[in-house]
Amino acid sequence: MNFLSQEQIIAVVIFFVGILIMTLCAKYERKVDERLRDPKLKYTLLDGGNEDVVKQKNLVGNILSILGGAIALYGFVTFFLNIK
């Protein structure tokens, strides 16, 4: 007896790839946050310098979060659309 079709198995794999991307994004953001907690860099940012670090963190974090969420959602929807 086959409980899952081939399309559902692919959808589950796609879902977990999306979750993996979101996990990697969270780890990356934690690492950048630790670096930004450095007092020297913190006061440099308050003085108006080196804002590229913050913009890069936000851009990469947002792209990875949206991409991972979209892939996970696509896998989730594909799984339920292929129920027979």
PDB file of N, CA and C in Angstrom:
ATOM      1  N   MET A   1       0.831  -1.181   0.000  1.00  0.00           N
ATOM      2  CA  MET A   1       0.000   0.000   0.000  1.00  0.00           C
ATOM      3  C   MET A   1       0.882   1.254   0.000  1.00  0.00           C
ATOM      4  N   ASN A   2       0.620   2.116  -0.911  1.00  0.00           N
ATOM      5  CA  ASN A   2       1.329   3.391  -0.947  1.00  0.00           C
ATOM      6  C   ASN A   2       0.442   4.459  -0.322  1.00  0.00           C
ATOM      7  N   PHE A   3       0.947   5.030   0.751  1.00  0.00           N
ATOM      8  CA  PHE A   3       0.174   6.067   1.425  1.00  0.00           C
ATOM      9  C   PHE A   3       0.421   7.439   0.802  1.00  0.00           C
ATOM     10  N   LEU A   4       1.630   7.620   0.267  1.00  0.00           N
ATOM     11  CA  LEU A   4       1.977   8.907  -0.324  1.00  0.00           C
ATOM     12  C   LEU A   4       2.295   8.736  -1.798  1.00  0.00           C
ATOM     13  N   SER A   5       1.810   9.655  -2.603  1.00  0.00           N
ATOM     14  CA  SER A   5       2.148   9.625  -4.023  1.00  0.00           C
ATOM     15  C   SER A   5       3.527  10.260  -4.215  1.00  0.00           C
ATOM     16  N   GLN A   6       4.039  10.144  -5.419  1.00  0.00           N
ATOM     17  CA  GLN A   6       5.351  10.707  -5.704  1.00  0.00           C
ATOM     18  C   GLN A   6       5.342  12.229  -5.563  1.00  0.00           C
ATOM     19  N   GLU A   7       4.270  12.862  -5.968  1.00  0.00           N
ATOM     20  CA  GLU A   7       4.169  14.321  -5.859  1.00  0.00           C
ATOM     21  C   GLU A   7       4.158  14.764  -4.398  1.00  0.00           C
ATOM     22  N   GLN A   8       3.518  13.971  -3.541  1.00  0.00           N
ATOM     23  CA  GLN A   8       3.483  14.326  -2.123  1.00  0.00           C
ATOM     24  C   GLN A   8       4.863  14.186  -1.479  1.00  0.00           C
ATOM     25  N   ILE A   9       5.609  13.179  -1.882  1.00  0.00           N
ATOM     26  CA  ILE A   9       6.958  13.001  -1.341  1.00  0.00           C
ATOM     27  C   ILE A   9       7.844  14.170  -1.761  1.00  0.00           C
ATOM     28  N   ILE A  10       7.731  14.591  -3.022  1.00  0.00           N
ATOM     29  CA  ILE A  10       8.496  15.746  -3.491  1.00  0.00           C
ATOM     30  C   ILE A  10       8.073  17.000  -2.725  1.00  0.00           C
ATOM     31  N   ALA A  11       6.787  17.149  -2.465  1.00  0.00           N
ATOM     32  CA  ALA A  11       6.290  18.309  -1.717  1.00  0.00           C
ATOM     33  C   ALA A  11       6.844  18.323  -0.294  1.00  0.00           C
ATOM     34  N   VAL A  12       6.950  17.160   0.333  1.00  0.00           N
ATOM     35  CA  VAL A  12       7.514  17.091   1.684  1.00  0.00           C
ATOM     36  C   VAL A  12       8.985  17.501   1.653  1.00  0.00           C
ATOM     37  N   VAL A  13       9.712  17.045   0.651  1.00  0.00           N
ATOM     38  CA  VAL A  13      11.130  17.422   0.523  1.00  0.00           C
ATOM     39  C   VAL A  13      11.256  18.927   0.313  1.00  0.00           C
ATOM     40  N   ILE A  14      10.421  19.500  -0.539  1.00  0.00           N
ATOM     41  CA  ILE A  14      10.439  20.945  -0.779  1.00  0.00           C
ATOM     42  C   ILE A  14      10.114  21.705   0.510  1.00  0.00           C
ATOM     43  N   PHE A  15       9.147  21.212   1.270  1.00  0.00           N
ATOM     44  CA  PHE A  15       8.781  21.842   2.543  1.00  0.00           C
ATOM     45  C   PHE A  15       9.981  21.871   3.486  1.00  0.00           C
ATOM     46  N   PHE A  16      10.689  20.759   3.598  1.00  0.00           N
ATOM     47  CA  PHE A  16      11.829  20.706   4.515  1.00  0.00           C
ATOM     48  C   PHE A  16      13.011  21.528   4.008  1.00  0.00           C
ATOM     49  N   VAL A  17      13.149  21.693   2.703  1.00  0.00           N
ATOM     50  CA  VAL A  17      14.176  22.588   2.170  1.00  0.00           C
ATOM     51  C   VAL A  17      13.860  24.027   2.581  1.00  0.00           C
ATOM     52  N   GLY A  18      12.593  24.413   2.511  1.00  0.00           N
ATOM     53  CA  GLY A  18      12.189  25.746   2.952  1.00  0.00           C
ATOM     54  C   GLY A  18      12.454  25.962   4.434  1.00  0.00           C
ATOM     55  N   ILE A  19      12.164  24.948   5.240  1.00  0.00           N
ATOM     56  CA  ILE A  19      12.436  25.033   6.681  1.00  0.00           C
ATOM     57  C   ILE A  19      13.937  25.143   6.931  1.00  0.00           C
ATOM     58  N   LEU A  20      14.737  24.419   6.159  1.00  0.00           N
ATOM     59  CA  LEU A  20      16.191  24.480   6.290  1.00  0.00           C
ATOM     60  C   LEU A  20      16.707  25.879   5.962  1.00  0.00           C
ATOM     61  N   ILE A  21      16.178  26.486   4.915  1.00  0.00           N
ATOM     62  CA  ILE A  21      16.591  27.851   4.558  1.00  0.00           C
ATOM     63  C   ILE A  21      16.232  28.826   5.674  1.00  0.00           C
ATOM     64  N   MET A  22      15.068  28.677   6.257  1.00  0.00           N
ATOM     65  CA  MET A  22      14.672  29.566   7.346  1.00  0.00           C
ATOM     66  C   MET A  22      15.541  29.354   8.589  1.00  0.00           C
ATOM     67  N   THR A  23      15.943  28.120   8.853  1.00  0.00           N
ATOM     68  CA  THR A  23      16.833  27.834   9.982  1.00  0.00           C
ATOM     69  C   THR A  23      18.206  28.452   9.759  1.00  0.00           C
ATOM     70  N   LEU A  24      18.721  28.318   8.538  1.00  0.00           N
ATOM     71  CA  LEU A  24      20.013  28.927   8.226  1.00  0.00           C
ATOM     72  C   LEU A  24      19.947  30.443   8.347  1.00  0.00           C
ATOM     73  N   CYS A  25      18.824  31.021   7.952  1.00  0.00           N
ATOM     74  CA  CYS A  25      18.632  32.461   8.066  1.00  0.00           C
ATOM     75  C   CYS A  25      18.660  32.888   9.536  1.00  0.00           C
ATOM     76  N   ALA A  26      18.005  32.139  10.390  1.00  0.00           N
ATOM     77  CA  ALA A  26      17.977  32.472  11.814  1.00  0.00           C
ATOM     78  C   ALA A  26      19.378  32.385  12.421  1.00  0.00           C
ATOM     79  N   LYS A  27      20.144  31.360  12.042  1.00  0.00           N
ATOM     80  CA  LYS A  27      21.518  31.235  12.541  1.00  0.00           C
ATOM     81  C   LYS A  27      22.382  32.387  12.059  1.00  0.00           C
ATOM     82  N   TYR A  28      22.209  32.778  10.778  1.00  0.00           N
ATOM     83  CA  TYR A  28      22.975  33.892  10.222  1.00  0.00           C
ATOM     84  C   TYR A  28      22.641  35.182  10.962  1.00  0.00           C
ATOM     85  N   GLU A  29      21.367  35.418  11.204  1.00  0.00           N
ATOM     86  CA  GLU A  29      20.975  36.647  11.897  1.00  0.00           C
ATOM     87  C   GLU A  29      21.477  36.670  13.331  1.00  0.00           C
ATOM     88  N   ARG A  30      21.493  35.517  14.002  1.00  0.00           N
ATOM     89  CA  ARG A  30      22.046  35.468  15.365  1.00  0.00           C
ATOM     90  C   ARG A  30      23.529  35.810  15.365  1.00  0.00           C
ATOM     91  N   LYS A  31      24.261  35.289  14.364  1.00  0.00           N
ATOM     92  CA  LYS A  31      25.686  35.556  14.281  1.00  0.00           C
ATOM     93  C   LYS A  31      25.945  37.046  14.035  1.00  0.00           C
ATOM     94  N   VAL A  32      25.168  37.655  13.168  1.00  0.00           N
ATOM     95  CA  VAL A  32      25.332  39.084  12.891  1.00  0.00           C
ATOM     96  C   VAL A  32      24.941  39.907  14.116  1.00  0.00           C
ATOM     97  N   ASP A  33      23.895  39.496  14.829  1.00  0.00           N
ATOM     98  CA  ASP A  33      23.491  40.214  16.038  1.00  0.00           C
ATOM     99  C   ASP A  33      24.583  40.173  17.096  1.00  0.00           C
ATOM    100  N   GLU A  34      25.261  39.028  17.224  1.00  0.00           N
ATOM    101  CA  GLU A  34      26.363  38.945  18.183  1.00  0.00           C
ATOM    102  C   GLU A  34      27.475  39.907  17.803  1.00  0.00           C
ATOM    103  N   ARG A  35      27.740  40.015  16.499  1.00  0.00           N
ATOM    104  CA  ARG A  35      28.781  40.934  16.053  1.00  0.00           C
ATOM    105  C   ARG A  35      28.367  42.380  16.288  1.00  0.00           C
ATOM    106  N   LEU A  36      27.084  42.673  16.118  1.00  0.00           N
ATOM    107  CA  LEU A  36      26.617  44.045  16.322  1.00  0.00           C
ATOM    108  C   LEU A  36      26.535  44.427  17.798  1.00  0.00           C
ATOM    109  N   ARG A  37      26.599  43.451  18.689  1.00  0.00           N
ATOM    110  CA  ARG A  37      26.568  43.752  20.126  1.00  0.00           C
ATOM    111  C   ARG A  37      27.902  44.280  20.636  1.00  0.00           C
ATOM    112  N   ASP A  38      28.923  44.217  19.798  1.00  0.00           N
ATOM    113  CA  ASP A  38      30.232  44.741  20.177  1.00  0.00           C
ATOM    114  C   ASP A  38      30.093  46.240  20.459  1.00  0.00           C
ATOM    115  N   PRO A  39      30.506  46.694  21.639  1.00  0.00           N
ATOM    116  CA  PRO A  39      30.300  48.106  21.998  1.00  0.00           C
ATOM    117  C   PRO A  39      30.970  49.090  21.031  1.00  0.00           C
ATOM    118  N   LYS A  40      32.140  48.751  20.522  1.00  0.00           N
ATOM    119  CA  LYS A  40      32.822  49.670  19.606  1.00  0.00           C
ATOM    120  C   LYS A  40      31.999  49.876  18.335  1.00  0.00           C
ATOM    121  N   LEU A  41      31.490  48.784  17.781  1.00  0.00           N
ATOM    122  CA  LEU A  41      30.689  48.881  16.569  1.00  0.00           C
ATOM    123  C   LEU A  41      29.355  49.563  16.861  1.00  0.00           C
ATOM    124  N   LYS A  42      28.816  49.305  18.056  1.00  0.00           N
ATOM    125  CA  LYS A  42      27.535  49.916  18.425  1.00  0.00           C
ATOM    126  C   LYS A  42      27.638  51.438  18.460  1.00  0.00           C
ATOM    127  N   TYR A  43      28.699  51.953  19.068  1.00  0.00           N
ATOM    128  CA  TYR A  43      28.848  53.402  19.139  1.00  0.00           C
ATOM    129  C   TYR A  43      29.249  53.999  17.799  1.00  0.00           C
ATOM    130  N   THR A  44      29.919  53.224  16.965  1.00  0.00           N
ATOM    131  CA  THR A  44      30.228  53.685  15.612  1.00  0.00           C
ATOM    132  C   THR A  44      28.942  53.864  14.827  1.00  0.00           C
ATOM    133  N   LEU A  45      28.001  52.921  14.996  1.00  0.00           N
ATOM    134  CA  LEU A  45      26.723  53.033  14.299  1.00  0.00           C
ATOM    135  C   LEU A  45      25.918  54.218  14.810  1.00  0.00           C
ATOM    136  N   LEU A  46      26.009  54.495  16.125  1.00  0.00           N
ATOM    137  CA  LEU A  46      25.279  55.637  16.678  1.00  0.00           C
ATOM    138  C   LEU A  46      25.858  56.963  16.185  1.00  0.00           C
ATOM    139  N   ASP A  47      27.161  56.986  15.903  1.00  0.00           N
ATOM    140  CA  ASP A  47      27.793  58.205  15.401  1.00  0.00           C
ATOM    141  C   ASP A  47      27.518  58.425  13.921  1.00  0.00           C
ATOM    142  N   GLY A  48      26.846  57.495  13.290  1.00  0.00           N
ATOM    143  CA  GLY A  48      26.456  57.696  11.899  1.00  0.00           C
ATOM    144  C   GLY A  48      27.338  56.991  10.885  1.00  0.00           C
ATOM    145  N   GLY A  49      28.247  56.197  11.337  1.00  0.00           N
ATOM    146  CA  GLY A  49      29.129  55.517  10.396  1.00  0.00           C
ATOM    147  C   GLY A  49      28.814  54.048  10.271  1.00  0.00           C
ATOM    148  N   ASN A  50      29.234  53.456   9.190  1.00  0.00           N
ATOM    149  CA  ASN A  50      29.165  52.007   8.951  1.00  0.00           C
ATOM    150  C   ASN A  50      27.733  51.460   8.997  1.00  0.00           C
ATOM    151  N   GLU A  51      26.814  52.137   8.355  1.00  0.00           N
ATOM    152  CA  GLU A  51      25.440  51.661   8.314  1.00  0.00           C
ATOM    153  C   GLU A  51      25.249  50.526   7.315  1.00  0.00           C
ATOM    154  N   ASP A  52      26.274  50.272   6.502  1.00  0.00           N
ATOM    155  CA  ASP A  52      26.176  49.199   5.514  1.00  0.00           C
ATOM    156  C   ASP A  52      25.992  47.841   6.174  1.00  0.00           C
ATOM    157  N   VAL A  53      26.558  47.659   7.358  1.00  0.00           N
ATOM    158  CA  VAL A  53      26.422  46.378   8.066  1.00  0.00           C
ATOM    159  C   VAL A  53      24.970  46.123   8.417  1.00  0.00           C
ATOM    160  N   VAL A  54      24.280  47.145   8.901  1.00  0.00           N
ATOM    161  CA  VAL A  54      22.881  46.994   9.291  1.00  0.00           C
ATOM    162  C   VAL A  54      22.008  46.771   8.060  1.00  0.00           C
ATOM    163  N   LYS A  55      22.254  47.520   6.987  1.00  0.00           N
ATOM    164  CA  LYS A  55      21.464  47.353   5.772  1.00  0.00           C
ATOM    165  C   LYS A  55      21.671  45.971   5.172  1.00  0.00           C
ATOM    166  N   GLN A  56      22.920  45.498   5.186  1.00  0.00           N
ATOM    167  CA  GLN A  56      23.200  44.163   4.650  1.00  0.00           C
ATOM    168  C   GLN A  56      22.494  43.100   5.473  1.00  0.00           C
ATOM    169  N   LYS A  57      22.503  43.250   6.792  1.00  0.00           N
ATOM    170  CA  LYS A  57      21.838  42.284   7.656  1.00  0.00           C
ATOM    171  C   LYS A  57      20.345  42.238   7.362  1.00  0.00           C
ATOM    172  N   ASN A  58      19.745  43.393   7.235  1.00  0.00           N
ATOM    173  CA  ASN A  58      18.306  43.438   6.983  1.00  0.00           C
ATOM    174  C   ASN A  58      17.961  42.876   5.618  1.00  0.00           C
ATOM    175  N   LEU A  59      18.729  43.207   4.593  1.00  0.00           N
ATOM    176  CA  LEU A  59      18.439  42.750   3.244  1.00  0.00           C
ATOM    177  C   LEU A  59      18.589  41.234   3.130  1.00  0.00           C
ATOM    178  N   VAL A  60      19.697  40.710   3.602  1.00  0.00           N
ATOM    179  CA  VAL A  60      19.923  39.262   3.514  1.00  0.00           C
ATOM    180  C   VAL A  60      18.918  38.505   4.363  1.00  0.00           C
ATOM    181  N   GLY A  61      18.654  38.987   5.568  1.00  0.00           N
ATOM    182  CA  GLY A  61      17.679  38.334   6.439  1.00  0.00           C
ATOM    183  C   GLY A  61      16.288  38.321   5.836  1.00  0.00           C
ATOM    184  N   ASN A  62      15.894  39.441   5.256  1.00  0.00           N
ATOM    185  CA  ASN A  62      14.565  39.513   4.650  1.00  0.00           C
ATOM    186  C   ASN A  62      14.451  38.603   3.435  1.00  0.00           C
ATOM    187  N   ILE A  63      15.465  38.608   2.590  1.00  0.00           N
ATOM    188  CA  ILE A  63      15.423  37.757   1.393  1.00  0.00           C
ATOM    189  C   ILE A  63      15.364  36.290   1.776  1.00  0.00           C
ATOM    190  N   LEU A  64      16.213  35.864   2.711  1.00  0.00           N
ATOM    191  CA  LEU A  64      16.218  34.458   3.119  1.00  0.00           C
ATOM    192  C   LEU A  64      14.917  34.070   3.814  1.00  0.00           C
ATOM    193  N   SER A  65      14.379  34.952   4.622  1.00  0.00           N
ATOM    194  CA  SER A  65      13.122  34.641   5.311  1.00  0.00           C
ATOM    195  C   SER A  65      11.965  34.500   4.330  1.00  0.00           C
ATOM    196  N   ILE A  66      11.862  35.433   3.400  1.00  0.00           N
ATOM    197  CA  ILE A  66      10.781  35.366   2.412  1.00  0.00           C
ATOM    198  C   ILE A  66      10.943  34.152   1.516  1.00  0.00           C
ATOM    199  N   LEU A  67      12.171  33.900   1.055  1.00  0.00           N
ATOM    200  CA  LEU A  67      12.421  32.754   0.189  1.00  0.00           C
ATOM    201  C   LEU A  67      12.117  31.435   0.907  1.00  0.00           C
ATOM    202  N   GLY A  68      12.607  31.281   2.125  1.00  0.00           N
ATOM    203  CA  GLY A  68      12.348  30.062   2.881  1.00  0.00           C
ATOM    204  C   GLY A  68      10.879  29.867   3.190  1.00  0.00           C
ATOM    205  N   GLY A  69      10.207  30.939   3.565  1.00  0.00           N
ATOM    206  CA  GLY A  69       8.778  30.845   3.841  1.00  0.00           C
ATOM    207  C   GLY A  69       7.968  30.497   2.607  1.00  0.00           C
ATOM    208  N   ALA A  70       8.341  31.094   1.473  1.00  0.00           N
ATOM    209  CA  ALA A  70       7.617  30.807   0.232  1.00  0.00           C
ATOM    210  C   ALA A  70       7.825  29.360  -0.211  1.00  0.00           C
ATOM    211  N   ILE A  71       9.045  28.873  -0.101  1.00  0.00           N
ATOM    212  CA  ILE A  71       9.318  27.487  -0.494  1.00  0.00           C
ATOM    213  C   ILE A  71       8.585  26.514   0.426  1.00  0.00           C
ATOM    214  N   ALA A  72       8.607  26.784   1.734  1.00  0.00           N
ATOM    215  CA  ALA A  72       7.905  25.917   2.674  1.00  0.00           C
ATOM    216  C   ALA A  72       6.395  25.943   2.420  1.00  0.00           C
ATOM    217  N   LEU A  73       5.851  27.117   2.158  1.00  0.00           N
ATOM    218  CA  LEU A  73       4.424  27.227   1.868  1.00  0.00           C
ATOM    219  C   LEU A  73       4.066  26.497   0.574  1.00  0.00           C
ATOM    220  N   TYR A  74       4.917  26.615  -0.440  1.00  0.00           N
ATOM    221  CA  TYR A  74       4.685  25.918  -1.702  1.00  0.00           C
ATOM    222  C   TYR A  74       4.663  24.404  -1.486  1.00  0.00           C
ATOM    223  N   GLY A  75       5.608  23.892  -0.704  1.00  0.00           N
ATOM    224  CA  GLY A  75       5.621  22.461  -0.405  1.00  0.00           C
ATOM    225  C   GLY A  75       4.390  22.030   0.365  1.00  0.00           C
ATOM    226  N   PHE A  76       3.961  22.839   1.323  1.00  0.00           N
ATOM    227  CA  PHE A  76       2.777  22.537   2.127  1.00  0.00           C
ATOM    228  C   PHE A  76       1.519  22.480   1.265  1.00  0.00           C
ATOM    229  N   VAL A  77       1.354  23.488   0.414  1.00  0.00           N
ATOM    230  CA  VAL A  77       0.167  23.540  -0.446  1.00  0.00           C
ATOM    231  C   VAL A  77       0.194  22.420  -1.472  1.00  0.00           C
ATOM    232  N   THR A  78       1.358  22.163  -2.052  1.00  0.00           N
ATOM    233  CA  THR A  78       1.483  21.095  -3.043  1.00  0.00           C
ATOM    234  C   THR A  78       1.147  19.739  -2.435  1.00  0.00           C
ATOM    235  N   PHE A  79       1.556  19.531  -1.191  1.00  0.00           N
ATOM    236  CA  PHE A  79       1.265  18.265  -0.523  1.00  0.00           C
ATOM    237  C   PHE A  79      -0.241  18.049  -0.430  1.00  0.00           C
ATOM    238  N   PHE A  80      -0.972  19.074   0.015  1.00  0.00           N
ATOM    239  CA  PHE A  80      -2.407  18.909   0.209  1.00  0.00           C
ATOM    240  C   PHE A  80      -3.202  18.942  -1.098  1.00  0.00           C
ATOM    241  N   LEU A  81      -2.639  19.541  -2.134  1.00  0.00           N
ATOM    242  CA  LEU A  81      -3.332  19.529  -3.414  1.00  0.00           C
ATOM    243  C   LEU A  81      -3.243  18.170  -4.106  1.00  0.00           C
ATOM    244  N   ASN A  82      -2.281  17.361  -3.702  1.00  0.00           N
ATOM    245  CA  ASN A  82      -2.086  16.061  -4.333  1.00  0.00           C
ATOM    246  C   ASN A  82      -2.664  14.909  -3.525  1.00  0.00           C
ATOM    247  N   ILE A  83      -3.558  15.186  -2.600  1.00  0.00           N
ATOM    248  CA  ILE A  83      -4.227  14.125  -1.855  1.00  0.00           C
ATOM    249  C   ILE A  83      -5.260  13.477  -2.781  1.00  0.00           C
ATOM    250  N   LYS A  84      -5.196  12.175  -2.841  1.00  0.00           N
ATOM    251  CA  LYS A  84      -6.119  11.451  -3.731  1.00  0.00           C
ATOM    252  C   LYS A  84      -7.026  10.534  -2.941  1.00  0.00           C
TER     253      LYS A  84
END
